[in-house]
Amino acid sequence: IFVGRLSEEKGIDQLLKAIPYIVTQNIKIVIVGSLMFEENGPKDKYQQFIVEFTKQYPQKIIFTGYIPQYELPQVYAIADVAVLPSMW
């Protein structure tokens, strides 16, 4: 699971580029977040790149959009691993 804004400094592209190297076939990557805390906010070029890149793996990647802070404990509970690929 990744939780955060879909912005370049968060490193989501690095997480997605690692997918071909994951040997376990039974995985789902859940991406929780949006561009700026709004589910239907405008998409920038980076976010558009992420959406296009993930079309290669439609069965492995799930976008949830923005989820309010108070609901995140339930979301984290479904995950086996949390990934923080920050580029900062």
PDB file of N, CA and C in Angstrom:
ATOM      1  N   ILE A   1       0.845  -1.177   0.000  1.00  0.00           N
ATOM      2  CA  ILE A   1       0.000   0.000   0.000  1.00  0.00           C
ATOM      3  C   ILE A   1       0.887   1.237   0.000  1.00  0.00           C
ATOM      4  N   PHE A   2       0.472   2.236  -0.734  1.00  0.00           N
ATOM      5  CA  PHE A   2       1.077   3.554  -0.695  1.00  0.00           C
ATOM      6  C   PHE A   2      -0.029   4.531  -0.343  1.00  0.00           C
ATOM      7  N   VAL A   3       0.245   5.438   0.603  1.00  0.00           N
ATOM      8  CA  VAL A   3      -0.721   6.464   0.983  1.00  0.00           C
ATOM      9  C   VAL A   3      -0.034   7.811   0.903  1.00  0.00           C
ATOM     10  N   GLY A   4      -0.580   8.702   0.086  1.00  0.00           N
ATOM     11  CA  GLY A   4      -0.009  10.039  -0.030  1.00  0.00           C
ATOM     12  C   GLY A   4      -0.483  10.735  -1.284  1.00  0.00           C
ATOM     13  N   ARG A   5      -0.001  11.971  -1.443  1.00  0.00           N
ATOM     14  CA  ARG A   5      -0.327  12.726  -2.657  1.00  0.00           C
ATOM     15  C   ARG A   5       0.343  12.083  -3.865  1.00  0.00           C
ATOM     16  N   LEU A   6      -0.292  12.184  -5.002  1.00  0.00           N
ATOM     17  CA  LEU A   6       0.298  11.667  -6.237  1.00  0.00           C
ATOM     18  C   LEU A   6       1.171  12.755  -6.847  1.00  0.00           C
ATOM     19  N   SER A   7       2.318  12.976  -6.214  1.00  0.00           N
ATOM     20  CA  SER A   7       3.246  13.988  -6.692  1.00  0.00           C
ATOM     21  C   SER A   7       4.635  13.369  -6.816  1.00  0.00           C
ATOM     22  N   GLU A   8       5.453  13.985  -7.637  1.00  0.00           N
ATOM     23  CA  GLU A   8       6.747  13.403  -7.996  1.00  0.00           C
ATOM     24  C   GLU A   8       7.642  13.120  -6.794  1.00  0.00           C
ATOM     25  N   GLU A   9       7.659  14.024  -5.823  1.00  0.00           N
ATOM     26  CA  GLU A   9       8.546  13.824  -4.676  1.00  0.00           C
ATOM     27  C   GLU A   9       8.155  12.617  -3.824  1.00  0.00           C
ATOM     28  N   LYS A  10       6.950  12.118  -3.988  1.00  0.00           N
ATOM     29  CA  LYS A  10       6.515  10.945  -3.226  1.00  0.00           C
ATOM     30  C   LYS A  10       7.060   9.638  -3.801  1.00  0.00           C
ATOM     31  N   GLY A  11       7.558   9.652  -5.048  1.00  0.00           N
ATOM     32  CA  GLY A  11       8.249   8.497  -5.612  1.00  0.00           C
ATOM     33  C   GLY A  11       7.384   7.331  -6.053  1.00  0.00           C
ATOM     34  N   ILE A  12       6.129   7.581  -6.318  1.00  0.00           N
ATOM     35  CA  ILE A  12       5.234   6.496  -6.727  1.00  0.00           C
ATOM     36  C   ILE A  12       5.733   5.827  -8.009  1.00  0.00           C
ATOM     37  N   ASP A  13       6.314   6.613  -8.904  1.00  0.00           N
ATOM     38  CA  ASP A  13       6.829   6.030 -10.137  1.00  0.00           C
ATOM     39  C   ASP A  13       7.899   4.986  -9.854  1.00  0.00           C
ATOM     40  N   GLN A  14       8.698   5.185  -8.817  1.00  0.00           N
ATOM     41  CA  GLN A  14       9.728   4.211  -8.460  1.00  0.00           C
ATOM     42  C   GLN A  14       9.096   2.906  -7.970  1.00  0.00           C
ATOM     43  N   LEU A  15       8.034   3.023  -7.198  1.00  0.00           N
ATOM     44  CA  LEU A  15       7.301   1.838  -6.745  1.00  0.00           C
ATOM     45  C   LEU A  15       6.745   1.078  -7.940  1.00  0.00           C
ATOM     46  N   LEU A  16       6.128   1.785  -8.866  1.00  0.00           N
ATOM     47  CA  LEU A  16       5.510   1.128 -10.020  1.00  0.00           C
ATOM     48  C   LEU A  16       6.548   0.498 -10.947  1.00  0.00           C
ATOM     49  N   LYS A  17       7.687   1.150 -11.112  1.00  0.00           N
ATOM     50  CA  LYS A  17       8.739   0.594 -11.970  1.00  0.00           C
ATOM     51  C   LYS A  17       9.345  -0.678 -11.380  1.00  0.00           C
ATOM     52  N   ALA A  18       9.126  -0.928 -10.102  1.00  0.00           N
ATOM     53  CA  ALA A  18       9.629  -2.146  -9.455  1.00  0.00           C
ATOM     54  C   ALA A  18       8.724  -3.358  -9.708  1.00  0.00           C
ATOM     55  N   ILE A  19       7.537  -3.138 -10.205  1.00  0.00           N
ATOM     56  CA  ILE A  19       6.582  -4.242 -10.388  1.00  0.00           C
ATOM     57  C   ILE A  19       7.156  -5.404 -11.188  1.00  0.00           C
ATOM     58  N   PRO A  20       7.841  -5.179 -12.304  1.00  0.00           N
ATOM     59  CA  PRO A  20       8.367  -6.322 -13.072  1.00  0.00           C
ATOM     60  C   PRO A  20       9.382  -7.169 -12.300  1.00  0.00           C
ATOM     61  N   TYR A  21       9.966  -6.611 -11.250  1.00  0.00           N
ATOM     62  CA  TYR A  21      10.985  -7.321 -10.481  1.00  0.00           C
ATOM     63  C   TYR A  21      10.406  -8.103  -9.300  1.00  0.00           C
ATOM     64  N   ILE A  22       9.120  -7.981  -9.076  1.00  0.00           N
ATOM     65  CA  ILE A  22       8.476  -8.701  -7.974  1.00  0.00           C
ATOM     66  C   ILE A  22       8.151 -10.105  -8.456  1.00  0.00           C
ATOM     67  N   VAL A  23       8.761 -11.098  -7.843  1.00  0.00           N
ATOM     68  CA  VAL A  23       8.598 -12.472  -8.328  1.00  0.00           C
ATOM     69  C   VAL A  23       7.276 -13.096  -7.912  1.00  0.00           C
ATOM     70  N   THR A  24       6.713 -12.658  -6.808  1.00  0.00           N
ATOM     71  CA  THR A  24       5.416 -13.179  -6.376  1.00  0.00           C
ATOM     72  C   THR A  24       4.330 -12.651  -7.296  1.00  0.00           C
ATOM     73  N   GLN A  25       3.560 -13.524  -7.865  1.00  0.00           N
ATOM     74  CA  GLN A  25       2.505 -13.106  -8.789  1.00  0.00           C
ATOM     75  C   GLN A  25       1.235 -12.667  -8.075  1.00  0.00           C
ATOM     76  N   ASN A  26       1.061 -13.094  -6.848  1.00  0.00           N
ATOM     77  CA  ASN A  26      -0.171 -12.824  -6.115  1.00  0.00           C
ATOM     78  C   ASN A  26      -0.051 -11.525  -5.308  1.00  0.00           C
ATOM     79  N   ILE A  27       0.055 -10.388  -6.009  1.00  0.00           N
ATOM     80  CA  ILE A  27       0.163  -9.105  -5.318  1.00  0.00           C
ATOM     81  C   ILE A  27      -0.855  -8.118  -5.870  1.00  0.00           C
ATOM     82  N   LYS A  28      -1.205  -7.177  -5.054  1.00  0.00           N
ATOM     83  CA  LYS A  28      -1.988  -6.012  -5.458  1.00  0.00           C
ATOM     84  C   LYS A  28      -1.294  -4.805  -4.851  1.00  0.00           C
ATOM     85  N   ILE A  29      -1.153  -3.771  -5.627  1.00  0.00           N
ATOM     86  CA  ILE A  29      -0.607  -2.516  -5.128  1.00  0.00           C
ATOM     87  C   ILE A  29      -1.779  -1.555  -5.008  1.00  0.00           C
ATOM     88  N   VAL A  30      -2.013  -1.087  -3.797  1.00  0.00           N
ATOM     89  CA  VAL A  30      -3.107  -0.159  -3.533  1.00  0.00           C
ATOM     90  C   VAL A  30      -2.506   1.230  -3.368  1.00  0.00           C
ATOM     91  N   ILE A  31      -2.947   2.156  -4.210  1.00  0.00           N
ATOM     92  CA  ILE A  31      -2.458   3.530  -4.163  1.00  0.00           C
ATOM     93  C   ILE A  31      -3.594   4.400  -3.647  1.00  0.00           C
ATOM     94  N   VAL A  32      -3.380   4.931  -2.437  1.00  0.00           N
ATOM     95  CA  VAL A  32      -4.376   5.767  -1.775  1.00  0.00           C
ATOM     96  C   VAL A  32      -3.903   7.205  -1.844  1.00  0.00           C
ATOM     97  N   GLY A  33      -4.675   8.048  -2.504  1.00  0.00           N
ATOM     98  CA  GLY A  33      -4.316   9.454  -2.557  1.00  0.00           C
ATOM     99  C   GLY A  33      -4.753  10.105  -3.843  1.00  0.00           C
ATOM    100  N   SER A  34      -4.573  11.403  -3.877  1.00  0.00           N
ATOM    101  CA  SER A  34      -4.913  12.183  -5.061  1.00  0.00           C
ATOM    102  C   SER A  34      -3.874  13.281  -5.209  1.00  0.00           C
ATOM    103  N   LEU A  35      -4.084  14.154  -6.159  1.00  0.00           N
ATOM    104  CA  LEU A  35      -3.098  15.192  -6.428  1.00  0.00           C
ATOM    105  C   LEU A  35      -2.966  16.166  -5.257  1.00  0.00           C
ATOM    106  N   MET A  36      -4.052  16.696  -4.781  1.00  0.00           N
ATOM    107  CA  MET A  36      -3.993  17.660  -3.683  1.00  0.00           C
ATOM    108  C   MET A  36      -5.179  17.475  -2.740  1.00  0.00           C
ATOM    109  N   PHE A  37      -5.274  16.335  -2.107  1.00  0.00           N
ATOM    110  CA  PHE A  37      -6.278  16.067  -1.082  1.00  0.00           C
ATOM    111  C   PHE A  37      -7.707  16.071  -1.601  1.00  0.00           C
ATOM    112  N   GLU A  38      -7.906  16.071  -2.901  1.00  0.00           N
ATOM    113  CA  GLU A  38      -9.249  16.025  -3.467  1.00  0.00           C
ATOM    114  C   GLU A  38      -9.306  14.874  -4.463  1.00  0.00           C
ATOM    115  N   GLU A  39     -10.331  14.081  -4.345  1.00  0.00           N
ATOM    116  CA  GLU A  39     -10.448  12.912  -5.218  1.00  0.00           C
ATOM    117  C   GLU A  39     -10.535  13.302  -6.686  1.00  0.00           C
ATOM    118  N   ASN A  40     -11.251  14.348  -6.999  1.00  0.00           N
ATOM    119  CA  ASN A  40     -11.462  14.712  -8.398  1.00  0.00           C
ATOM    120  C   ASN A  40     -10.681  15.951  -8.801  1.00  0.00           C
ATOM    121  N   GLY A  41      -9.563  16.179  -8.156  1.00  0.00           N
ATOM    122  CA  GLY A  41      -8.734  17.337  -8.476  1.00  0.00           C
ATOM    123  C   GLY A  41      -8.140  17.216  -9.870  1.00  0.00           C
ATOM    124  N   PRO A  42      -7.621  18.313 -10.394  1.00  0.00           N
ATOM    125  CA  PRO A  42      -7.021  18.283 -11.735  1.00  0.00           C
ATOM    126  C   PRO A  42      -5.777  17.400 -11.759  1.00  0.00           C
ATOM    127  N   LYS A  43      -5.541  16.757 -12.890  1.00  0.00           N
ATOM    128  CA  LYS A  43      -4.377  15.884 -13.034  1.00  0.00           C
ATOM    129  C   LYS A  43      -3.228  16.674 -13.653  1.00  0.00           C
ATOM    130  N   ASP A  44      -2.055  16.559 -13.063  1.00  0.00           N
ATOM    131  CA  ASP A  44      -0.869  17.160 -13.670  1.00  0.00           C
ATOM    132  C   ASP A  44      -0.186  16.110 -14.543  1.00  0.00           C
ATOM    133  N   LYS A  45       0.926  16.480 -15.179  1.00  0.00           N
ATOM    134  CA  LYS A  45       1.616  15.555 -16.087  1.00  0.00           C
ATOM    135  C   LYS A  45       2.133  14.323 -15.364  1.00  0.00           C
ATOM    136  N   TYR A  46       2.609  14.494 -14.150  1.00  0.00           N
ATOM    137  CA  TYR A  46       3.125  13.357 -13.383  1.00  0.00           C
ATOM    138  C   TYR A  46       2.016  12.363 -13.065  1.00  0.00           C
ATOM    139  N   GLN A  47       0.894  12.872 -12.608  1.00  0.00           N
ATOM    140  CA  GLN A  47      -0.235  12.004 -12.287  1.00  0.00           C
ATOM    141  C   GLN A  47      -0.746  11.310 -13.556  1.00  0.00           C
ATOM    142  N   GLN A  48      -0.771  12.009 -14.664  1.00  0.00           N
ATOM    143  CA  GLN A  48      -1.184  11.394 -15.928  1.00  0.00           C
ATOM    144  C   GLN A  48      -0.212  10.288 -16.322  1.00  0.00           C
ATOM    145  N   PHE A  49       1.104  10.508 -16.112  1.00  0.00           N
ATOM    146  CA  PHE A  49       2.101   9.475 -16.394  1.00  0.00           C
ATOM    147  C   PHE A  49       1.821   8.221 -15.568  1.00  0.00           C
ATOM    148  N   ILE A  50       1.527   8.406 -14.290  1.00  0.00           N
ATOM    149  CA  ILE A  50       1.255   7.273 -13.412  1.00  0.00           C
ATOM    150  C   ILE A  50       0.048   6.486 -13.903  1.00  0.00           C
ATOM    151  N   VAL A  51      -1.012   7.187 -14.249  1.00  0.00           N
ATOM    152  CA  VAL A  51      -2.222   6.520 -14.733  1.00  0.00           C
ATOM    153  C   VAL A  51      -1.928   5.739 -16.013  1.00  0.00           C
ATOM    154  N   GLU A  52      -1.199   6.342 -16.947  1.00  0.00           N
ATOM    155  CA  GLU A  52      -0.868   5.657 -18.199  1.00  0.00           C
ATOM    156  C   GLU A  52       0.051   4.455 -17.955  1.00  0.00           C
ATOM    157  N   PHE A  53       1.053   4.613 -17.108  1.00  0.00           N
ATOM    158  CA  PHE A  53       1.996   3.528 -16.811  1.00  0.00           C
ATOM    159  C   PHE A  53       1.271   2.328 -16.204  1.00  0.00           C
ATOM    160  N   THR A  54       0.324   2.587 -15.332  1.00  0.00           N
ATOM    161  CA  THR A  54      -0.352   1.491 -14.639  1.00  0.00           C
ATOM    162  C   THR A  54      -1.293   0.703 -15.545  1.00  0.00           C
ATOM    163  N   LYS A  55      -1.592   1.214 -16.716  1.00  0.00           N
ATOM    164  CA  LYS A  55      -2.438   0.463 -17.658  1.00  0.00           C
ATOM    165  C   LYS A  55      -1.765  -0.842 -18.093  1.00  0.00           C
ATOM    166  N   GLN A  56      -0.446  -0.932 -17.911  1.00  0.00           N
ATOM    167  CA  GLN A  56       0.272  -2.173 -18.221  1.00  0.00           C
ATOM    168  C   GLN A  56      -0.057  -3.278 -17.223  1.00  0.00           C
ATOM    169  N   TYR A  57      -0.540  -2.896 -16.044  1.00  0.00           N
ATOM    170  CA  TYR A  57      -0.774  -3.840 -14.951  1.00  0.00           C
ATOM    171  C   TYR A  57      -2.172  -3.662 -14.362  1.00  0.00           C
ATOM    172  N   PRO A  58      -3.195  -3.805 -15.175  1.00  0.00           N
ATOM    173  CA  PRO A  58      -4.549  -3.505 -14.676  1.00  0.00           C
ATOM    174  C   PRO A  58      -5.017  -4.431 -13.554  1.00  0.00           C
ATOM    175  N   GLN A  59      -4.492  -5.634 -13.466  1.00  0.00           N
ATOM    176  CA  GLN A  59      -4.914  -6.576 -12.432  1.00  0.00           C
ATOM    177  C   GLN A  59      -4.115  -6.439 -11.142  1.00  0.00           C
ATOM    178  N   LYS A  60      -3.055  -5.642 -11.159  1.00  0.00           N
ATOM    179  CA  LYS A  60      -2.170  -5.552  -9.995  1.00  0.00           C
ATOM    180  C   LYS A  60      -2.286  -4.238  -9.217  1.00  0.00           C
ATOM    181  N   ILE A  61      -2.842  -3.196  -9.836  1.00  0.00           N
ATOM    182  CA  ILE A  61      -2.834  -1.870  -9.216  1.00  0.00           C
ATOM    183  C   ILE A  61      -4.257  -1.370  -9.001  1.00  0.00           C
ATOM    184  N   ILE A  62      -4.508  -0.872  -7.787  1.00  0.00           N
ATOM    185  CA  ILE A  62      -5.813  -0.334  -7.429  1.00  0.00           C
ATOM    186  C   ILE A  62      -5.614   1.106  -6.960  1.00  0.00           C
ATOM    187  N   PHE A  63      -6.307   2.049  -7.591  1.00  0.00           N
ATOM    188  CA  PHE A  63      -6.335   3.434  -7.146  1.00  0.00           C
ATOM    189  C   PHE A  63      -7.611   3.649  -6.343  1.00  0.00           C
ATOM    190  N   THR A  64      -7.475   4.179  -5.147  1.00  0.00           N
ATOM    191  CA  THR A  64      -8.671   4.454  -4.344  1.00  0.00           C
ATOM    192  C   THR A  64      -9.087   5.910  -4.397  1.00  0.00           C
ATOM    193  N   GLY A  65      -8.180   6.793  -4.807  1.00  0.00           N
ATOM    194  CA  GLY A  65      -8.456   8.219  -4.686  1.00  0.00           C
ATOM    195  C   GLY A  65      -8.241   8.650  -3.244  1.00  0.00           C
ATOM    196  N   TYR A  66      -8.690   9.851  -2.935  1.00  0.00           N
ATOM    197  CA  TYR A  66      -8.522  10.400  -1.595  1.00  0.00           C
ATOM    198  C   TYR A  66      -9.392   9.646  -0.594  1.00  0.00           C
ATOM    199  N   ILE A  67      -8.811   9.313   0.542  1.00  0.00           N
ATOM    200  CA  ILE A  67      -9.538   8.700   1.658  1.00  0.00           C
ATOM    201  C   ILE A  67      -9.265   9.566   2.884  1.00  0.00           C
ATOM    202  N   PRO A  68     -10.306   9.979   3.605  1.00  0.00           N
ATOM    203  CA  PRO A  68     -10.102  10.845   4.778  1.00  0.00           C
ATOM    204  C   PRO A  68      -9.209  10.189   5.831  1.00  0.00           C
ATOM    205  N   GLN A  69      -8.482  11.021   6.541  1.00  0.00           N
ATOM    206  CA  GLN A  69      -7.528  10.580   7.554  1.00  0.00           C
ATOM    207  C   GLN A  69      -8.141   9.596   8.563  1.00  0.00           C
ATOM    208  N   TYR A  70      -9.345   9.860   9.002  1.00  0.00           N
ATOM    209  CA  TYR A  70      -9.953   9.015  10.029  1.00  0.00           C
ATOM    210  C   TYR A  70     -10.274   7.611   9.522  1.00  0.00           C
ATOM    211  N   GLU A  71     -10.308   7.393   8.207  1.00  0.00           N
ATOM    212  CA  GLU A  71     -10.563   6.064   7.645  1.00  0.00           C
ATOM    213  C   GLU A  71      -9.279   5.289   7.340  1.00  0.00           C
ATOM    214  N   LEU A  72      -8.126   5.946   7.385  1.00  0.00           N
ATOM    215  CA  LEU A  72      -6.869   5.305   7.000  1.00  0.00           C
ATOM    216  C   LEU A  72      -6.479   4.100   7.854  1.00  0.00           C
ATOM    217  N   PRO A  73      -6.745   4.069   9.158  1.00  0.00           N
ATOM    218  CA  PRO A  73      -6.391   2.856   9.915  1.00  0.00           C
ATOM    219  C   PRO A  73      -7.037   1.590   9.338  1.00  0.00           C
ATOM    220  N   GLN A  74      -8.257   1.695   8.857  1.00  0.00           N
ATOM    221  CA  GLN A  74      -8.921   0.537   8.248  1.00  0.00           C
ATOM    222  C   GLN A  74      -8.259   0.152   6.933  1.00  0.00           C
ATOM    223  N   VAL A  75      -7.797   1.141   6.194  1.00  0.00           N
ATOM    224  CA  VAL A  75      -7.139   0.880   4.915  1.00  0.00           C
ATOM    225  C   VAL A  75      -5.781   0.215   5.145  1.00  0.00           C
ATOM    226  N   TYR A  76      -5.013   0.745   6.095  1.00  0.00           N
ATOM    227  CA  TYR A  76      -3.715   0.140   6.406  1.00  0.00           C
ATOM    228  C   TYR A  76      -3.877  -1.304   6.890  1.00  0.00           C
ATOM    229  N   ALA A  77      -4.974  -1.597   7.544  1.00  0.00           N
ATOM    230  CA  ALA A  77      -5.193  -2.938   8.088  1.00  0.00           C
ATOM    231  C   ALA A  77      -5.306  -4.009   7.003  1.00  0.00           C
ATOM    232  N   ILE A  78      -5.653  -3.626   5.786  1.00  0.00           N
ATOM    233  CA  ILE A  78      -5.781  -4.624   4.714  1.00  0.00           C
ATOM    234  C   ILE A  78      -4.436  -4.963   4.068  1.00  0.00           C
ATOM    235  N   ALA A  79      -3.414  -4.160   4.369  1.00  0.00           N
ATOM    236  CA  ALA A  79      -2.124  -4.318   3.692  1.00  0.00           C
ATOM    237  C   ALA A  79      -1.159  -5.205   4.476  1.00  0.00           C
ATOM    238  N   ASP A  80      -0.329  -5.916   3.727  1.00  0.00           N
ATOM    239  CA  ASP A  80       0.764  -6.675   4.338  1.00  0.00           C
ATOM    240  C   ASP A  80       2.024  -5.816   4.445  1.00  0.00           C
ATOM    241  N   VAL A  81       2.172  -4.867   3.513  1.00  0.00           N
ATOM    242  CA  VAL A  81       3.367  -4.035   3.452  1.00  0.00           C
ATOM    243  C   VAL A  81       2.963  -2.605   3.086  1.00  0.00           C
ATOM    244  N   ALA A  82       3.548  -1.625   3.764  1.00  0.00           N
ATOM    245  CA  ALA A  82       3.389  -0.225   3.386  1.00  0.00           C
ATOM    246  C   ALA A  82       4.696   0.238   2.748  1.00  0.00           C
ATOM    247  N   VAL A  83       4.594   0.949   1.640  1.00  0.00           N
ATOM    248  CA  VAL A  83       5.770   1.391   0.906  1.00  0.00           C
ATOM    249  C   VAL A  83       5.799   2.917   0.896  1.00  0.00           C
ATOM    250  N   LEU A  84       6.965   3.472   1.240  1.00  0.00           N
ATOM    251  CA  LEU A  84       7.156   4.927   1.254  1.00  0.00           C
ATOM    252  C   LEU A  84       8.342   5.274   0.370  1.00  0.00           C
ATOM    253  N   PRO A  85       8.141   5.304  -0.956  1.00  0.00           N
ATOM    254  CA  PRO A  85       9.269   5.486  -1.872  1.00  0.00           C
ATOM    255  C   PRO A  85       9.666   6.949  -2.098  1.00  0.00           C
ATOM    256  N   SER A  86       9.599   7.771  -1.063  1.00  0.00           N
ATOM    257  CA  SER A  86       9.857   9.205  -1.180  1.00  0.00           C
ATOM    258  C   SER A  86      11.208   9.491  -1.825  1.00  0.00           C
ATOM    259  N   MET A  87      11.230  10.493  -2.665  1.00  0.00           N
ATOM    260  CA  MET A  87      12.460  10.903  -3.341  1.00  0.00           C
ATOM    261  C   MET A  87      13.108  12.069  -2.631  1.00  0.00           C
ATOM    262  N   TRP A  88      12.620  12.459  -1.481  1.00  0.00           N
ATOM    263  CA  TRP A  88      13.190  13.585  -0.715  1.00  0.00           C
ATOM    264  C   TRP A  88      14.214  13.089   0.235  1.00  0.00           C
TER     265      TRP A  88
END
